[in-house]
C-alpha cells in the first residue's frame, strides 16, 4: 500500500507529516437458490482492508425480503456462488467475533477454518445492519467473497457449500490489498488509487503505471527559505495529491477519510493532545489566520486515454468539503475523521463511474505561537460501493 506523507520543517526542524493509506471495499454479485429470494442493497464496510490486519470491524448491510432468526456469512477466496465449494481465505480468522445487538459466533464451518460467522438476530423484511468486530483479514491480497444467507431457524445453519433451505441469500465481493490500485470481482468491480502524479494524465487509466518512486503520494508542505522548506507564519502552504475511481456499483461509491488520532489535525510529537495545528472545522485556512490543517477538493477530470470515462465525482453530499475552502470534518467525541469508518469526503452521486479523477489539495498554516517540532497525522482513505 502506498502512503501520502505531508512534511514541512520550521528552521531546520521537520514540522509536519501526514500519511494516507488506501482501503477499498466493493460488494459483489447476488446469487440465489431456487428456495430463496435475493438480498438487495447488500454492502460490507471494513475499518481496514489491509492484508493481515487484526481486530477489524465489518459492517454488514442488506435488505431482507423474508423474516428470519438470523444469518450466516461464509467468506471464500474462490467464488461467491452459494452451493459451490468454498476455499477458505488464507490467514483469515473469525474465531472471536463480537457484535452489538446480536449474538455472533464463529460460524458452522470446520473449527480449524474460522472463516465464517453465525449471527443470531431477529430479522423482519426490510433493512438489516450488523457491526461485527474482532475479525482478522486474510494475509493474502486479492478478492474476498462473502456469501450471506438467512434462516428461519438458526438450528439449521450450515456451510455455504450445502446450505439447506434458506430464506434469502446474496453475495458481496471485497478486495484485500496493500496496493493503491485495486480490482474487485470480475462482474462487479472497483478500482481506486491515490498518487502524487496526475492520475488523469496519459498512461494512468485504471490506476496503471503508478508504481515508481515519483508516483508515491508524498507531498511536502512549506515554503523555501535558506535551502529549507518549512511552514512560515502567516502563509498558507499547499500540496496536492490525486485520486482516481472506477466502479460499476449500482448505487455508486463513497470515499471517506480517517485520521488515526483523537484531535483531527497535525499533532506535535511527544504531546498526546491537543493538535497544535488544529483541524479546520470552522472557517477556511487563510494567510495570517490561526494555525490550521485541512483539505479542499478540485475539479473532477476524465482520464486522458479513456473515451468512455464519465460519471460524477464530487464532494460528498452533505459534507463540509468543497472546492472553495479548506475543511476537516472533526467533532469532539470520536466523530468525523476520527470515527471508526471515517468522514465522507467524495462520492459518485449514487451512480457508477468510470476513470474519473479528483485532486485533493492539503494545506496548513501556523502562527508565531506554534511550537517547533515534528508534527504528524496518519490518514486512511476508504472507498466503498453499494450494489
Protein backbone atom coordinates (compact mmCIF):
# COMPACT_ATOMS: atom_id res chain seq x y z
CA UNK A 1 0.00 0.00 0.00
CA UNK A 2 1.38 3.39 -0.86
CA UNK A 3 1.07 6.32 1.51
CA UNK A 4 0.79 10.05 1.40
CA UNK A 5 3.23 11.91 3.59
CA UNK A 6 2.88 15.63 4.20
CA UNK A 7 6.12 17.12 5.52
CA UNK A 8 7.44 20.54 6.32
CA UNK A 9 10.18 21.95 8.53
CA UNK A 10 10.48 25.15 10.50
CA UNK A 11 14.09 26.41 10.64
CA UNK A 12 15.95 23.07 10.46
CA UNK A 13 13.17 21.10 12.20
CA UNK A 14 10.69 18.85 10.47
CA UNK A 15 7.29 20.39 11.21
CA UNK A 16 4.54 18.26 9.72
CA UNK A 17 3.98 14.79 8.33
CA UNK A 18 0.84 13.10 7.13
CA UNK A 19 0.37 9.59 5.80
CA UNK A 20 -2.59 8.35 3.85
CA UNK A 21 -3.39 4.70 3.31
CA UNK A 22 -5.84 3.31 0.83
CA UNK A 23 -8.65 0.90 1.53
CA UNK A 24 -11.19 -0.25 -0.93
CA UNK A 25 -14.39 -2.14 -0.44
CA UNK A 26 -16.56 -3.43 -3.27
CA UNK A 27 -19.67 -5.57 -2.74
CA UNK A 28 -20.36 -8.39 -5.22
CA UNK A 29 -22.93 -10.08 -7.38
CA UNK A 30 -26.06 -11.71 -5.90
CA UNK A 31 -26.57 -15.40 -6.42
CA UNK A 32 -29.75 -17.07 -5.22
CA UNK A 33 -31.06 -20.62 -4.94
CA UNK A 34 -34.49 -21.72 -6.05
CA UNK A 35 -35.63 -21.84 -2.43
CA UNK A 36 -34.70 -18.29 -1.55
CA UNK A 37 -35.13 -14.68 -2.59
CA UNK A 38 -32.29 -12.28 -3.23
CA UNK A 39 -30.93 -9.88 -0.64
CA UNK A 40 -30.72 -6.36 -2.06
CA UNK A 41 -28.76 -3.26 -1.02
CA UNK A 42 -26.01 -5.52 0.27
CA UNK A 43 -22.76 -3.99 1.41
CA UNK A 44 -19.90 -4.75 3.77
CA UNK A 45 -17.80 -1.85 5.04
CA UNK A 46 -14.37 -2.53 6.55
CA UNK A 47 -12.48 -0.40 9.03
CA UNK A 48 -9.34 -1.63 7.26
CA UNK A 49 -8.78 -3.57 4.03
CA UNK A 50 -5.07 -4.20 4.70
CA UNK A 51 -3.93 -7.80 4.32
CA UNK A 52 -3.39 -9.42 7.72
CA UNK A 53 -4.99 -6.55 9.67
CA UNK A 54 -6.31 -7.67 13.07
CA UNK A 55 -9.32 -6.61 15.15
CA UNK A 56 -11.07 -5.29 12.02
CA UNK A 57 -14.71 -4.11 12.09
CA UNK A 58 -17.04 -5.46 9.39
CA UNK A 59 -20.30 -3.52 8.97
CA UNK A 60 -22.82 -5.73 7.15
CA UNK A 61 -25.86 -4.11 5.48
CA UNK A 62 -28.60 -5.70 3.35
CA UNK A 63 -32.37 -5.65 2.77
CA UNK A 64 -34.23 -8.89 3.52
CA UNK A 65 -37.43 -9.99 1.78
CA UNK A 66 -38.38 -12.58 4.44
CA UNK A 67 -38.39 -12.69 8.24
CA UNK A 68 -35.62 -14.79 9.74
CA UNK A 69 -33.96 -15.75 13.00
CA UNK A 70 -30.50 -14.83 11.77
CA UNK A 71 -27.97 -15.45 9.05
CA UNK A 72 -24.62 -16.93 8.15
CA UNK A 73 -21.73 -15.22 6.36
CA UNK A 74 -19.26 -17.59 4.73
CA UNK A 75 -16.03 -15.99 3.49
CA UNK A 76 -14.44 -17.67 0.44
CA UNK A 77 -11.46 -16.90 -1.77
CA UNK A 78 -12.68 -18.73 -4.88
CA UNK A 79 -16.35 -17.93 -5.63
CA UNK A 80 -19.42 -16.02 -4.37
CA UNK A 81 -21.78 -18.78 -5.57
CA UNK A 82 -23.90 -20.40 -2.88
CA UNK A 83 -23.78 -24.19 -3.17
CA UNK A 84 -20.25 -24.29 -4.61
CA UNK A 85 -17.22 -25.43 -2.65
CA UNK A 86 -15.67 -22.69 -0.54
CA UNK A 87 -11.91 -22.25 -0.36
CA UNK A 88 -11.07 -20.58 3.00
CA UNK A 89 -9.15 -17.29 2.60
CA UNK A 90 -5.55 -17.74 3.74
CA UNK A 91 -4.91 -16.36 7.22
CA UNK A 92 -8.44 -15.07 7.84
CA UNK A 93 -9.87 -15.59 11.33
CA UNK A 94 -13.38 -15.12 12.72
CA UNK A 95 -12.54 -17.08 15.87
CA UNK A 96 -13.53 -14.43 18.45
CA UNK A 97 -16.17 -12.11 16.93
CA UNK A 98 -18.38 -9.66 18.82
CA UNK A 99 -21.44 -7.67 17.73
CA UNK A 100 -23.80 -5.09 19.20
CA UNK A 101 -27.50 -6.06 19.25
CA UNK A 102 -26.86 -9.60 18.01
CA UNK A 103 -25.29 -12.87 19.10
CA UNK A 104 -22.38 -13.75 16.87
CA UNK A 105 -20.10 -16.80 16.96
CA UNK A 106 -17.61 -18.44 14.64
CA UNK A 107 -19.88 -20.00 12.02
CA UNK A 108 -20.80 -23.54 11.02
CA UNK A 109 -17.61 -24.16 9.05
CA UNK A 110 -14.99 -26.55 10.45
CA UNK A 111 -13.49 -25.11 13.67
CA UNK A 112 -9.99 -25.10 12.14
CA UNK A 113 -11.22 -22.87 9.31
CA UNK A 114 -12.55 -19.86 11.26
CA UNK A 115 -13.74 -18.10 8.11
CA UNK A 116 -17.49 -17.89 8.67
CA UNK A 117 -19.90 -16.15 11.05
CA UNK A 118 -23.20 -17.28 12.51
CA UNK A 119 -25.30 -14.28 13.57
CA UNK A 120 -28.48 -14.72 15.60
CA UNK A 121 -30.56 -11.58 15.09
CA UNK A 122 -34.32 -11.19 14.67
CA UNK A 123 -34.90 -10.12 11.07
CA UNK A 124 -38.05 -8.71 9.52
CA UNK A 125 -38.49 -7.91 5.86
CA UNK A 126 -36.53 -4.71 5.37
CA UNK A 127 -33.08 -3.21 6.06
CA UNK A 128 -30.66 -5.11 8.32
CA UNK A 129 -27.37 -3.77 9.73
CA UNK A 130 -24.88 -5.62 11.93
CA UNK A 131 -21.44 -4.44 13.01
CA UNK A 132 -19.08 -7.32 13.76
CA UNK A 133 -15.73 -6.71 15.45
CA UNK A 134 -12.65 -8.79 16.12
CA UNK A 135 -12.01 -10.18 12.62
CA UNK A 136 -8.55 -10.81 11.19
CA UNK A 137 -8.27 -10.09 7.45
CA UNK A 138 -6.77 -12.63 5.02
CA UNK A 139 -2.99 -12.41 4.81
CA UNK A 140 -3.02 -12.78 1.03
CA UNK A 141 -4.07 -9.82 -1.13
CA UNK A 142 -6.83 -10.45 -3.65
CA UNK A 143 -10.59 -10.99 -3.97
CA UNK A 144 -12.61 -11.98 -0.91
CA UNK A 145 -16.19 -13.20 -1.34
CA UNK A 146 -18.84 -13.10 1.39
CA UNK A 147 -21.84 -15.43 0.92
CA UNK A 148 -24.79 -14.23 3.03
CA UNK A 149 -27.83 -16.46 3.66
CA UNK A 150 -30.66 -16.23 6.22
CA UNK A 151 -32.55 -18.96 8.11
CA UNK A 152 -35.98 -19.18 9.67
CA UNK A 153 -34.39 -21.35 12.39
CA UNK A 154 -30.70 -20.93 13.20
CA UNK A 155 -30.58 -24.58 14.27
CA UNK A 156 -30.49 -25.28 10.52
CA UNK A 157 -27.42 -23.11 9.90
CA UNK A 158 -24.93 -24.89 7.63
CA UNK A 159 -21.92 -24.32 5.43
CA UNK A 160 -22.47 -22.41 2.17
CA UNK A 161 -21.43 -25.35 0.00
CA UNK A 162 -24.51 -27.22 1.30
CA UNK A 163 -26.66 -24.55 2.99
CA UNK A 164 -30.01 -26.36 3.02
CA UNK A 165 -33.19 -24.30 2.93
CA UNK A 166 -32.56 -20.57 3.27
CA UNK A 167 -34.94 -17.61 3.36
CA UNK A 168 -32.81 -15.07 1.45
CA UNK A 169 -29.28 -15.10 0.11
CA UNK A 170 -26.79 -12.94 -1.75
CA UNK A 171 -23.09 -12.23 -2.08
CA UNK A 172 -20.60 -9.40 -1.65
CA UNK A 173 -17.11 -9.11 -3.16
CA UNK A 174 -14.37 -7.33 -1.27
CA UNK A 175 -10.73 -6.72 -2.11
CA UNK A 176 -7.92 -7.26 0.36
CA UNK A 177 -4.80 -5.42 -0.78
CA UNK A 178 -1.73 -3.41 0.10
CA UNK A 179 -1.67 -1.66 -3.25
CA UNK A 180 -3.11 1.65 -4.45
CA UNK A 181 -4.97 0.25 -7.46
CA UNK A 182 -7.42 -2.49 -6.52
CA UNK A 183 -9.62 -4.68 -8.70
CA UNK A 184 -12.54 -6.43 -7.05
CA UNK A 185 -14.85 -9.04 -8.64
CA UNK A 186 -14.85 -9.67 -12.40
CA UNK A 187 -18.51 -8.75 -12.90
CA UNK A 188 -18.80 -6.09 -10.22
CA UNK A 189 -15.64 -4.10 -9.73
CA UNK A 190 -13.98 -1.13 -8.11
CA UNK A 191 -10.59 0.45 -8.81
CA UNK A 192 -9.34 3.25 -6.56
CA UNK A 193 -5.90 4.81 -6.14
CA UNK A 194 -4.05 7.85 -4.84
CA UNK A 195 -0.86 9.34 -6.26
CA UNK A 196 1.26 12.46 -6.36
CA UNK A 197 1.21 12.06 -10.15
CA UNK A 198 -1.79 13.48 -12.01
CA UNK A 199 -3.79 10.27 -12.43
CA UNK A 200 -5.82 11.79 -15.28
CA UNK A 201 -2.72 12.08 -17.48
CA UNK A 202 -1.94 9.69 -20.33
CA UNK A 203 -0.97 6.16 -19.35
CA UNK A 204 -2.58 6.12 -15.91
CA UNK A 205 -6.08 4.96 -16.80
CA UNK A 206 -7.43 2.27 -14.44
CA UNK A 207 -4.69 3.27 -11.96
CA UNK A 208 -1.97 1.87 -14.23
CA UNK A 209 1.76 2.62 -14.08
CA UNK A 210 1.83 4.41 -10.73
CA UNK A 211 4.50 2.30 -9.05
CA UNK A 212 7.59 4.47 -9.47
CA UNK A 213 9.08 6.47 -6.60
CA UNK A 214 7.95 9.77 -8.10
CA UNK A 215 4.38 8.50 -8.14
CA UNK A 216 4.27 7.89 -4.39
CA UNK A 217 1.68 10.18 -2.80
CA UNK A 218 4.22 12.10 -0.69
CA UNK A 219 3.86 15.87 -0.54
CA UNK A 220 5.87 18.37 1.46
CA UNK A 221 4.13 21.40 2.88
CA UNK A 222 6.16 24.55 3.42
CA UNK A 223 7.94 27.50 1.83
CA UNK A 224 11.57 27.54 0.65
CA UNK A 225 13.81 29.72 2.78
CA UNK A 226 17.59 29.42 3.05
CA UNK A 227 17.56 25.98 1.49
CA UNK A 228 14.96 24.70 3.96
CA UNK A 229 11.32 24.06 3.21
CA UNK A 230 9.15 24.74 6.25
CA UNK A 231 5.85 26.25 7.29
CA UNK A 232 6.11 30.00 7.74
CA UNK A 233 3.98 32.20 9.95
CA UNK A 234 1.04 33.80 8.17
CA UNK A 235 1.43 31.84 4.91
CA UNK A 236 -0.83 29.01 3.72
CA UNK A 237 1.36 26.16 2.43
CA UNK A 238 -0.26 23.74 -0.02
CA UNK A 239 0.30 20.35 -1.63
CA UNK A 240 -1.83 18.23 -3.98
CA UNK A 241 -2.46 14.50 -4.37
CA UNK A 242 -4.74 12.85 -6.93
CA UNK A 243 -7.42 10.19 -6.57
CA UNK A 244 -8.96 8.05 -9.31
CA UNK A 245 -12.04 5.85 -9.07
CA UNK A 246 -13.96 3.44 -11.29
CA UNK A 247 -16.83 1.22 -10.16
CA UNK A 248 -19.99 -0.31 -11.56
CA UNK A 249 -21.74 -0.24 -8.17
CA UNK A 250 -25.39 0.47 -8.95
CA UNK A 251 -25.76 2.96 -6.09
CA UNK A 252 -22.30 4.43 -6.52
CA UNK A 253 -19.40 4.79 -4.12
CA UNK A 254 -18.29 6.96 -1.20
CA UNK A 255 -14.68 7.82 -0.36
CA UNK A 256 -14.09 8.51 3.33
CA UNK A 257 -11.04 9.88 5.14
CA UNK A 258 -9.97 8.64 8.57
CA UNK A 259 -7.35 10.19 10.86
CA UNK A 260 -5.82 7.90 13.47
CA UNK A 261 -5.57 10.46 16.26
CA UNK A 262 -8.15 11.99 18.58
CA UNK A 263 -7.72 15.65 17.62
CA UNK A 264 -8.23 15.61 13.86
CA UNK A 265 -5.28 17.83 12.91
CA UNK A 266 -1.47 17.78 12.97
CA UNK A 267 -0.12 16.71 16.36
CA UNK A 268 3.27 17.57 17.83
CA UNK A 269 5.45 14.53 18.53
CA UNK A 270 5.63 13.68 22.21
CA UNK A 271 2.43 15.57 23.03
CA UNK A 272 -0.70 13.43 23.48
CA UNK A 273 -3.13 16.28 22.79
CA UNK A 274 -4.30 18.64 21.50
CA UNK A 275 -3.32 19.23 17.88
CA UNK A 276 -1.18 22.37 17.87
CA UNK A 277 -2.11 22.69 14.19
CA UNK A 278 -5.84 22.21 14.59
CA UNK A 279 -8.38 20.82 12.10
CA UNK A 280 -10.12 23.48 10.02
CA UNK A 281 -13.63 22.79 11.30
CA UNK A 282 -14.95 26.34 11.03
CA UNK A 283 -13.81 28.91 8.55
CA UNK A 284 -11.10 28.23 5.99
CA UNK A 285 -7.32 28.40 6.17
CA UNK A 286 -6.12 31.90 5.32
CA UNK A 287 -2.91 33.90 5.39
CA UNK A 288 -2.28 35.42 8.83
CA UNK A 289 -5.01 33.24 10.31
CA UNK A 290 -4.81 30.72 13.16
CA UNK A 291 -2.76 27.51 12.86
CA UNK A 292 -4.94 25.04 10.95
CA UNK A 293 -4.80 21.93 8.76
CA UNK A 294 -7.39 20.97 6.13
CA UNK A 295 -8.15 19.85 2.60
CA UNK A 296 -10.25 21.09 -0.29
CA UNK A 297 -11.39 19.36 -3.44
CA UNK A 298 -10.63 20.32 -7.00
CA UNK A 299 -12.47 19.73 -10.28
CA UNK A 300 -13.18 16.20 -11.50
CA UNK A 301 -11.25 15.30 -14.67
CA UNK A 302 -11.67 12.34 -17.03
CA UNK A 303 -8.68 10.05 -17.70
CA UNK A 304 -6.94 11.09 -20.91
CA UNK A 305 -6.89 7.70 -22.65
CA UNK A 306 -10.43 6.53 -21.85
CA UNK A 307 -13.06 7.70 -24.35
CA UNK A 308 -15.80 6.23 -22.14
CA UNK A 309 -14.59 7.96 -18.97
CA UNK A 310 -17.64 9.51 -17.36
CA UNK A 311 -19.63 9.93 -14.17
CA UNK A 312 -19.96 12.43 -11.34
CA UNK A 313 -17.07 12.63 -8.88
CA UNK A 314 -17.82 15.31 -6.33
CA UNK A 315 -17.51 16.46 -2.70
CA UNK A 316 -19.59 14.09 -0.57
CA UNK A 317 -23.22 15.16 -0.41
CA UNK A 318 -24.00 16.92 2.86
CA UNK A 319 -20.35 17.15 3.94
CA UNK A 320 -18.39 20.31 4.60
CA UNK A 321 -15.83 19.55 1.90
CA UNK A 322 -15.68 21.54 -1.34
CA UNK A 323 -13.53 23.48 -3.74
CA UNK A 324 -13.99 26.91 -2.18
CA UNK A 325 -12.37 26.46 1.25
CA UNK A 326 -10.19 24.13 3.29
CA UNK A 327 -12.01 21.91 5.78
CA UNK A 328 -11.50 18.94 8.07
CA UNK A 329 -14.62 17.20 9.40
CA UNK A 330 -13.94 16.74 13.10
CA UNK A 331 -16.20 16.73 16.16
CA UNK A 332 -15.01 16.06 19.72
CA UNK A 333 -16.03 12.60 20.86
CA UNK A 334 -14.53 10.38 18.15
CA UNK A 335 -16.69 11.63 15.30
CA UNK A 336 -15.98 12.69 11.72
CA UNK A 337 -12.44 11.92 10.56
CA UNK A 338 -11.62 10.23 13.89
CA UNK A 339 -14.61 7.85 13.76
CA UNK A 340 -14.40 4.11 13.02
CA UNK A 341 -15.35 4.41 9.35
CA UNK A 342 -14.00 7.92 8.72
CA UNK A 343 -15.65 11.04 7.32
CA UNK A 344 -17.15 11.03 3.76
CA UNK A 345 -15.09 13.34 1.54
CA UNK A 346 -16.05 12.35 -2.02
CA UNK A 347 -18.87 10.43 -3.68
CA UNK A 348 -20.08 9.43 -7.14
CA UNK A 349 -23.58 10.90 -6.76
CA UNK A 350 -25.16 7.49 -6.20
CA UNK A 351 -24.20 6.08 -9.62
CA UNK A 352 -21.45 4.06 -11.36
CA UNK A 353 -18.36 5.88 -12.57
CA UNK A 354 -15.52 5.19 -14.99
CA UNK A 355 -11.99 6.62 -14.77
CA UNK A 356 -12.76 9.95 -13.15
CA UNK A 357 -10.05 11.79 -11.22
CA UNK A 358 -10.17 14.32 -8.40
CA UNK A 359 -7.28 16.35 -6.93
CA UNK A 360 -7.22 16.94 -3.17
CA UNK A 361 -5.25 19.97 -2.00
CA UNK A 362 -3.96 19.78 1.57
CA UNK A 363 -2.94 22.97 3.34
CA UNK A 364 -1.60 24.16 6.67
CA UNK A 365 -0.61 27.40 8.27
CA UNK A 366 0.99 28.38 11.57
CA UNK A 367 1.33 31.40 13.84
CA UNK A 368 4.25 32.76 15.85
CA UNK A 369 2.98 30.71 18.79
CA UNK A 370 3.02 27.33 17.02
CA UNK A 371 5.64 25.18 18.82
CA UNK A 372 8.56 23.97 16.70
CA UNK A 373 8.99 20.25 16.24
CA UNK A 374 7.73 17.21 14.36
CA UNK A 375 4.00 17.05 13.61
CA UNK A 376 2.12 14.11 12.20
CA UNK A 377 -1.29 12.65 11.43
CA UNK A 378 -1.88 9.23 9.85
CA UNK A 379 -4.78 9.22 7.37
CA UNK A 380 -6.60 6.38 5.60
CA UNK A 381 -8.76 6.74 2.50
CA UNK A 382 -11.56 4.16 2.42
CA UNK A 383 -13.72 3.69 -0.69
CA UNK A 384 -16.93 1.63 -0.52
CA UNK A 385 -19.57 0.85 -3.12
CA UNK A 386 -23.22 -0.16 -2.80
CA UNK A 387 -24.76 -2.61 -5.27
